């Protein structure tokens, strides 16, 4: 019983730490967006993806594949952006996708069952 409680406590502690890390990244992103630092924004979005990637793996099919494919398509749009305006728009698409994903996996402001 005690070992089971420790495992549950550990699981919740890691989830709380991940939410704190995500919050810190989103705060940094707001600063980058406001300063027009698109490369930093792009790199921070990659960091958020790395935080959420394990949660995507726990989604059921076909949801998992849909989310993975959408992320890859958004990443290609960013790479193919040939103007600052297109780059900004593509990054914003990734930004919105990751915010929605964070909610979907229960690490955001809205929890979906």
Protein backbone atom coordinates (compact mmCIF):
# COMPACT_ATOMS: atom_id res chain seq x y z
CA UNK A 1 0.00 0.00 0.00
CA UNK A 2 2.78 2.45 0.92
CA UNK A 3 4.71 1.71 -2.29
CA UNK A 4 1.54 2.29 -4.32
CA UNK A 5 1.04 5.69 -2.60
CA UNK A 6 4.65 6.66 -3.33
CA UNK A 7 4.25 5.76 -7.02
CA UNK A 8 1.04 7.82 -7.27
CA UNK A 9 2.67 10.73 -5.45
CA UNK A 10 5.68 10.55 -7.76
CA UNK A 11 3.44 10.50 -10.84
CA UNK A 12 1.55 13.59 -9.68
CA UNK A 13 4.76 15.38 -8.70
CA UNK A 14 6.19 14.87 -12.19
CA UNK A 15 2.95 16.11 -13.78
CA UNK A 16 3.06 19.23 -11.60
CA UNK A 17 6.70 19.84 -12.51
CA UNK A 18 5.88 19.44 -16.20
CA UNK A 19 3.08 22.01 -15.91
CA UNK A 20 5.51 24.43 -14.24
CA UNK A 21 8.07 23.86 -17.03
CA UNK A 22 5.37 24.43 -19.66
CA UNK A 23 4.21 27.61 -17.94
CA UNK A 24 7.78 28.92 -17.86
CA UNK A 25 8.17 28.20 -21.58
CA UNK A 26 4.87 29.94 -22.44
CA UNK A 27 6.00 33.00 -20.45
CA UNK A 28 9.26 33.11 -22.42
CA UNK A 29 7.29 32.76 -25.65
CA UNK A 30 5.13 35.77 -24.82
CA UNK A 31 8.28 37.85 -24.40
CA UNK A 32 9.71 36.57 -27.70
CA UNK A 33 6.49 37.24 -29.58
CA UNK A 34 6.26 40.76 -28.18
CA UNK A 35 9.87 41.44 -29.13
CA UNK A 36 9.50 39.90 -32.61
CA UNK A 37 12.16 37.26 -31.92
CA UNK A 38 10.85 34.60 -34.28
CA UNK A 39 13.79 32.21 -34.05
CA UNK A 40 13.59 32.11 -30.24
CA UNK A 41 9.82 31.62 -30.54
CA UNK A 42 10.40 28.71 -32.89
CA UNK A 43 12.95 27.12 -30.57
CA UNK A 44 10.70 27.49 -27.53
CA UNK A 45 7.79 25.90 -29.42
CA UNK A 46 10.11 22.95 -30.10
CA UNK A 47 10.76 22.73 -26.36
CA UNK A 48 7.04 22.65 -25.64
CA UNK A 49 6.60 19.88 -28.20
CA UNK A 50 9.31 17.87 -26.44
CA UNK A 51 7.45 18.30 -23.13
CA UNK A 52 4.13 17.17 -24.62
CA UNK A 53 5.43 14.46 -26.98
CA UNK A 54 5.26 11.67 -24.38
CA UNK A 55 1.64 12.59 -23.65
CA UNK A 56 0.82 12.35 -27.36
CA UNK A 57 2.16 8.79 -27.32
CA UNK A 58 -0.50 7.92 -24.71
CA UNK A 59 -3.39 9.12 -26.90
CA UNK A 60 -5.53 6.46 -28.51
CA UNK A 61 -5.50 5.87 -32.24
CA UNK A 62 -6.41 7.55 -34.52
CA UNK A 63 -6.02 10.66 -32.29
CA UNK A 64 -2.31 9.98 -31.77
CA UNK A 65 -1.54 9.75 -35.51
CA UNK A 66 -3.71 12.78 -36.31
CA UNK A 67 -1.86 14.93 -33.75
CA UNK A 68 1.56 13.70 -34.90
CA UNK A 69 0.76 14.37 -38.56
CA UNK A 70 -0.66 17.80 -37.86
CA UNK A 71 2.45 18.77 -35.90
CA UNK A 72 4.71 17.61 -38.73
CA UNK A 73 2.66 19.56 -41.31
CA UNK A 74 2.90 22.70 -39.17
CA UNK A 75 6.65 22.20 -38.81
CA UNK A 76 6.99 21.96 -42.60
CA UNK A 77 5.01 25.21 -42.99
CA UNK A 78 7.47 26.95 -40.70
CA UNK A 79 10.47 25.59 -42.61
CA UNK A 80 8.94 26.60 -45.95
CA UNK A 81 8.21 30.18 -44.87
CA UNK A 82 10.08 32.51 -47.19
CA UNK A 83 8.97 35.82 -45.70
CA UNK A 84 8.84 37.11 -42.14
CA UNK A 85 5.05 37.45 -42.40
CA UNK A 86 4.62 33.81 -43.49
CA UNK A 87 7.04 32.67 -40.81
CA UNK A 88 5.10 34.57 -38.14
CA UNK A 89 1.80 33.10 -39.37
CA UNK A 90 3.24 29.56 -39.45
CA UNK A 91 4.66 29.92 -35.93
CA UNK A 92 1.31 31.19 -34.71
CA UNK A 93 -0.32 28.06 -36.16
CA UNK A 94 2.12 25.86 -34.25
CA UNK A 95 1.58 27.96 -31.14
CA UNK A 96 -2.20 27.49 -31.27
CA UNK A 97 -1.86 23.78 -32.01
CA UNK A 98 0.42 23.26 -29.01
CA UNK A 99 -1.90 25.22 -26.71
CA UNK A 100 -4.81 23.02 -27.81
CA UNK A 101 -2.69 19.88 -27.43
CA UNK A 102 -1.67 20.90 -23.93
CA UNK A 103 -5.35 21.19 -23.02
CA UNK A 104 -6.13 17.86 -24.70
CA UNK A 105 -3.56 15.97 -22.65
CA UNK A 106 -4.72 17.60 -19.40
CA UNK A 107 -1.75 19.90 -18.84
CA UNK A 108 -3.47 23.18 -19.70
CA UNK A 109 -6.30 25.33 -18.46
CA UNK A 110 -9.00 23.09 -19.89
CA UNK A 111 -9.08 19.38 -19.14
CA UNK A 112 -10.71 17.10 -21.68
CA UNK A 113 -11.68 13.53 -20.80
